Amino acid sequence: MRTRIRDATIVGAVIMTMTLVATVTADPGQRGRPTQPAAQNAGAEANGRTVYTKSGCDTCHGPAGSGTAAAPRIAATALPLQGFISYVRKPAATMPPQSAQMVSDRDLTDIYAFLHSPAAQAVQANPAAPQAALVTAGAALYRKNGCYECHVNEGQGGANGPRLGPNPIPFPRFATYVRNPTGDMPPFTAKVLSDQDLASIYAFLQARTEPKPVSSIPLLSQ
């Protein structure tokens, strides 16, 4: 009888030890965090991507938060979720605050999930297509708002306006000047051109190619 009790005690101790080892060696990022079904995660990431684009975050921060000249990288941000939400509510620099009426905490949580998702990483791995779309949008806005009338078709400048691209001035200075210009240039308020529109135009100017040197053109090098 004693032998059976002793054997049962030993078996119980072994089982408890194995359970403790499994708990300690488990992924520390999973401990204390409820496991969500894959479908639920996918739904949050998909909604986050939709809200991210609908809210215009992609224009300044890039299609997957990889950053642009207008705003820094936020993909896979090291900020905890609550810190991320707090910053969006009360940001620094030129970023406008986003109230809960504009984007809810739930939507920000989904955006956060998108920025940490494999889908966002895939977009960042191939940024050429999204950047091309941004440049195309900027070209359309450049023409629609008559920028070409003074700065010429490619932003190279002319008799009525200085050169804008390639290698434009830093975006904060660019945006400030468009809002409060000098000389004969009319101001473009946020109602006429949003910050997102300015970022697109800026991308268009960045994409302009350098002109060929005069020495490479026979008729002009003589």
Protein backbone atom coordinates (compact mmCIF):
# COMPACT_ATOMS: atom_id res chain seq x y z
CA MET A 1 0.00 0.00 0.00
CA ARG A 2 2.78 2.42 0.92
CA THR A 3 4.58 1.53 -2.29
CA ARG A 4 1.54 2.46 -4.37
CA ILE A 5 1.15 5.82 -2.58
CA ARG A 6 4.85 6.56 -3.05
CA ASP A 7 4.64 5.71 -6.78
CA ALA A 8 1.56 7.91 -7.26
CA THR A 9 3.31 10.78 -5.50
CA ILE A 10 6.34 10.45 -7.78
CA VAL A 11 4.17 10.39 -10.91
CA GLY A 12 2.29 13.47 -9.72
CA ALA A 13 5.52 15.33 -9.06
CA VAL A 14 6.81 14.48 -12.55
CA ILE A 15 3.61 15.78 -14.17
CA MET A 16 3.79 19.05 -12.17
CA THR A 17 7.45 19.50 -13.13
CA MET A 18 6.68 19.01 -16.85
CA THR A 19 3.85 21.51 -16.64
CA LEU A 20 6.09 24.13 -15.02
CA VAL A 21 8.81 23.60 -17.62
CA ALA A 22 6.30 24.03 -20.45
CA THR A 23 5.02 27.25 -18.87
CA VAL A 24 8.48 28.75 -18.38
CA THR A 25 9.70 27.88 -21.87
CA ALA A 26 6.57 29.16 -23.61
CA ASP A 27 6.81 32.33 -25.71
CA PRO A 28 7.00 35.16 -23.14
CA GLY A 29 5.04 37.40 -25.48
CA GLN A 30 2.06 35.07 -25.18
CA ARG A 31 1.95 34.82 -21.37
CA GLY A 32 -0.76 36.98 -19.83
CA ARG A 33 -2.24 37.79 -23.25
CA PRO A 34 -5.46 36.14 -24.43
CA THR A 35 -5.14 34.13 -27.60
CA GLN A 36 -7.26 35.43 -30.46
CA PRO A 37 -8.48 33.29 -33.35
CA ALA A 38 -6.60 33.83 -36.62
CA ALA A 39 -9.81 34.97 -38.33
CA GLN A 40 -10.33 37.65 -35.67
CA ASN A 41 -6.76 38.92 -36.09
CA ALA A 42 -7.17 38.99 -39.87
CA GLY A 43 -10.40 40.96 -39.52
CA ALA A 44 -8.76 43.54 -37.24
CA GLU A 45 -5.80 43.94 -39.60
CA ALA A 46 -8.05 44.30 -42.64
CA ASN A 47 -10.19 46.94 -40.93
CA GLY A 48 -7.05 48.69 -39.73
CA ARG A 49 -5.73 48.91 -43.27
CA THR A 50 -9.07 50.32 -44.50
CA VAL A 51 -9.26 52.94 -41.75
CA TYR A 52 -5.55 53.79 -42.17
CA THR A 53 -6.14 54.61 -45.85
CA LYS A 54 -9.55 56.24 -45.36
CA SER A 55 -8.13 58.56 -42.69
CA GLY A 56 -5.30 59.65 -45.00
CA CYS A 57 -2.53 58.21 -42.80
CA ASP A 58 -0.95 56.60 -45.86
CA THR A 59 -0.33 59.90 -47.62
CA CYS A 60 2.05 61.19 -44.94
CA HIS A 61 3.29 57.96 -43.34
CA GLY A 62 3.37 55.81 -46.47
CA PRO A 63 1.10 52.96 -47.56
CA ALA A 64 2.20 50.70 -44.71
CA GLY A 65 3.66 53.18 -42.27
CA SER A 66 7.13 53.03 -43.81
CA GLY A 67 7.45 56.83 -43.63
CA THR A 68 7.83 59.58 -46.22
CA ALA A 69 9.34 63.05 -46.41
CA ALA A 70 6.16 64.31 -44.79
CA ALA A 71 6.09 62.04 -41.75
CA PRO A 72 8.21 59.40 -39.95
CA ARG A 73 8.00 55.63 -40.05
CA ILE A 74 5.34 54.15 -37.77
CA ALA A 75 5.29 50.56 -39.00
CA ALA A 76 6.03 48.04 -36.24
CA THR A 77 6.27 50.97 -33.84
CA ALA A 78 7.88 50.23 -30.50
CA LEU A 79 5.19 52.26 -28.74
CA PRO A 80 2.72 50.15 -26.76
CA LEU A 81 -0.87 50.32 -27.96
CA GLN A 82 -1.97 52.87 -25.35
CA GLY A 83 1.06 55.03 -26.09
CA PHE A 84 0.23 54.89 -29.80
CA ILE A 85 -3.37 55.95 -29.16
CA SER A 86 -2.27 58.75 -26.83
CA TYR A 87 0.13 60.13 -29.43
CA VAL A 88 -2.53 60.12 -32.15
CA ARG A 89 -4.82 62.05 -29.83
CA LYS A 90 -2.13 64.59 -28.88
CA PRO A 91 0.65 64.48 -31.51
CA ALA A 92 3.75 66.62 -31.84
CA ALA A 93 5.11 68.63 -34.77
CA THR A 94 2.70 69.33 -37.64
CA MET A 95 0.48 66.25 -37.34
CA PRO A 96 -3.14 67.23 -36.65
CA PRO A 97 -4.75 65.59 -33.60
CA GLN A 98 -7.28 62.84 -34.29
CA SER A 99 -10.19 62.92 -31.87
CA ALA A 100 -12.29 59.91 -30.88
CA GLN A 101 -15.06 61.30 -33.09
CA MET A 102 -12.74 61.19 -36.10
CA VAL A 103 -11.28 57.74 -35.39
CA SER A 104 -12.33 55.58 -32.46
CA ASP A 105 -10.04 53.75 -30.05
CA ARG A 106 -11.25 50.50 -31.62
CA ASP A 107 -10.21 51.66 -35.09
CA LEU A 108 -6.84 52.84 -33.75
CA THR A 109 -6.38 49.41 -32.20
CA ASP A 110 -7.04 47.86 -35.61
CA ILE A 111 -4.63 50.30 -37.29
CA TYR A 112 -2.03 49.28 -34.72
CA ALA A 113 -2.66 45.63 -35.62
CA PHE A 114 -2.26 46.44 -39.33
CA LEU A 115 1.04 48.25 -38.76
CA HIS A 116 2.38 45.10 -37.10
CA SER A 117 0.86 42.66 -39.60
CA PRO A 118 2.57 40.53 -42.28
CA ALA A 119 0.49 42.41 -44.86
CA ALA A 120 2.14 45.71 -43.87
CA GLN A 121 5.57 44.08 -43.99
CA ALA A 122 4.83 42.83 -47.51
CA VAL A 123 3.93 46.34 -48.70
CA GLN A 124 7.12 47.73 -47.18
CA ALA A 125 9.16 45.05 -48.93
CA ASN A 126 7.91 46.34 -52.29
CA PRO A 127 7.29 50.09 -51.90
CA ALA A 128 7.72 50.96 -55.59
CA ALA A 129 4.07 50.50 -56.57
CA PRO A 130 2.56 52.55 -53.69
CA GLN A 131 5.15 55.29 -54.23
CA ALA A 132 4.31 55.35 -57.94
CA ALA A 133 0.63 55.79 -57.07
CA LEU A 134 1.52 58.70 -54.76
CA VAL A 135 3.58 60.36 -57.50
CA THR A 136 0.71 59.92 -59.98
CA ALA A 137 -1.74 61.51 -57.55
CA GLY A 138 0.71 64.37 -56.97
CA ALA A 139 1.10 64.98 -60.69
CA ALA A 140 -2.67 65.23 -61.08
CA LEU A 141 -2.95 67.68 -58.17
CA TYR A 142 -0.01 69.72 -59.50
CA ARG A 143 -1.86 70.25 -62.77
CA LYS A 144 -5.36 70.58 -61.30
CA ASN A 145 -4.28 73.42 -59.00
CA GLY A 146 -2.40 75.27 -61.74
CA CYS A 147 1.08 74.90 -60.25
CA TYR A 148 2.44 74.32 -63.75
CA GLU A 149 1.33 77.78 -64.86
CA CYS A 150 4.19 79.39 -62.93
CA HIS A 151 6.53 76.52 -62.11
CA VAL A 152 6.21 74.77 -65.52
CA ASN A 153 5.13 71.21 -66.23
CA GLU A 154 7.91 69.36 -64.41
CA GLY A 155 8.47 71.86 -61.60
CA GLN A 156 11.65 73.06 -63.29
CA GLY A 157 10.67 76.69 -62.93
CA GLY A 158 10.23 79.49 -65.46
CA ALA A 159 9.77 83.21 -65.88
CA ASN A 160 6.89 83.34 -63.39
CA GLY A 161 8.05 80.95 -60.68
CA PRO A 162 11.22 79.30 -59.32
CA ARG A 163 12.30 75.69 -59.69
CA LEU A 164 10.58 73.25 -57.30
CA GLY A 165 12.13 69.93 -58.25
CA PRO A 166 13.96 67.67 -58.32
CA ASN A 167 15.50 67.75 -54.83
CA PRO A 168 12.84 70.08 -53.37
CA ILE A 169 13.34 71.91 -50.10
CA PRO A 170 12.45 69.93 -46.92
CA PHE A 171 8.75 69.17 -46.69
CA PRO A 172 8.01 71.29 -43.56
CA ARG A 173 9.43 74.37 -45.30
CA PHE A 174 7.62 73.47 -48.51
CA ALA A 175 4.26 73.14 -46.74
CA THR A 176 4.77 76.34 -44.74
CA TYR A 177 5.60 78.34 -47.85
CA VAL A 178 2.59 77.04 -49.78
CA ARG A 179 0.35 78.11 -46.90
CA ASN A 180 2.05 81.50 -46.42
CA PRO A 181 3.91 82.46 -49.61
CA THR A 182 5.59 85.72 -50.53
CA GLY A 183 5.59 87.67 -53.76
CA ASP A 184 2.75 87.12 -56.21
CA MET A 185 2.01 83.50 -55.29
CA PRO A 186 -1.48 83.08 -53.79
CA PRO A 187 -1.75 81.16 -50.50
CA PHE A 188 -3.20 77.64 -50.62
CA THR A 189 -5.14 76.94 -47.44
CA ALA A 190 -5.93 73.47 -46.11
CA LYS A 191 -9.41 73.82 -47.59
CA VAL A 192 -7.90 74.09 -51.05
CA LEU A 193 -4.98 71.69 -50.59
CA SER A 194 -4.90 69.34 -47.63
CA ASP A 195 -1.65 68.26 -46.00
CA GLN A 196 -2.14 64.90 -47.72
CA ASP A 197 -2.44 66.66 -51.09
CA LEU A 198 0.74 68.62 -50.39
CA ALA A 199 2.56 65.39 -49.54
CA SER A 200 1.46 63.90 -52.87
CA ILE A 201 2.63 66.97 -54.80
CA TYR A 202 5.90 66.81 -52.89
CA ALA A 203 6.32 63.16 -53.91
CA PHE A 204 5.77 64.20 -57.53
CA LEU A 205 8.48 66.87 -57.26
CA GLN A 206 10.87 64.42 -55.60
CA ALA A 207 10.42 62.01 -58.50
CA ARG A 208 11.48 64.54 -61.14
CA THR A 209 14.72 63.61 -62.89
CA GLU A 210 17.83 65.73 -62.99
CA PRO A 211 18.23 67.60 -66.31
CA LYS A 212 21.05 66.63 -68.60
CA PRO A 213 24.16 68.82 -68.32
CA VAL A 214 24.52 71.48 -70.98
CA SER A 215 27.80 69.91 -72.10
CA SER A 216 25.91 66.81 -73.22
CA ILE A 217 23.76 68.82 -75.67
CA PRO A 218 25.86 69.68 -78.78
CA LEU A 219 23.84 72.73 -79.82
CA LEU A 220 24.15 74.30 -76.37
CA SER A 221 27.73 73.32 -75.57
CA GLN A 222 29.26 75.30 -78.44
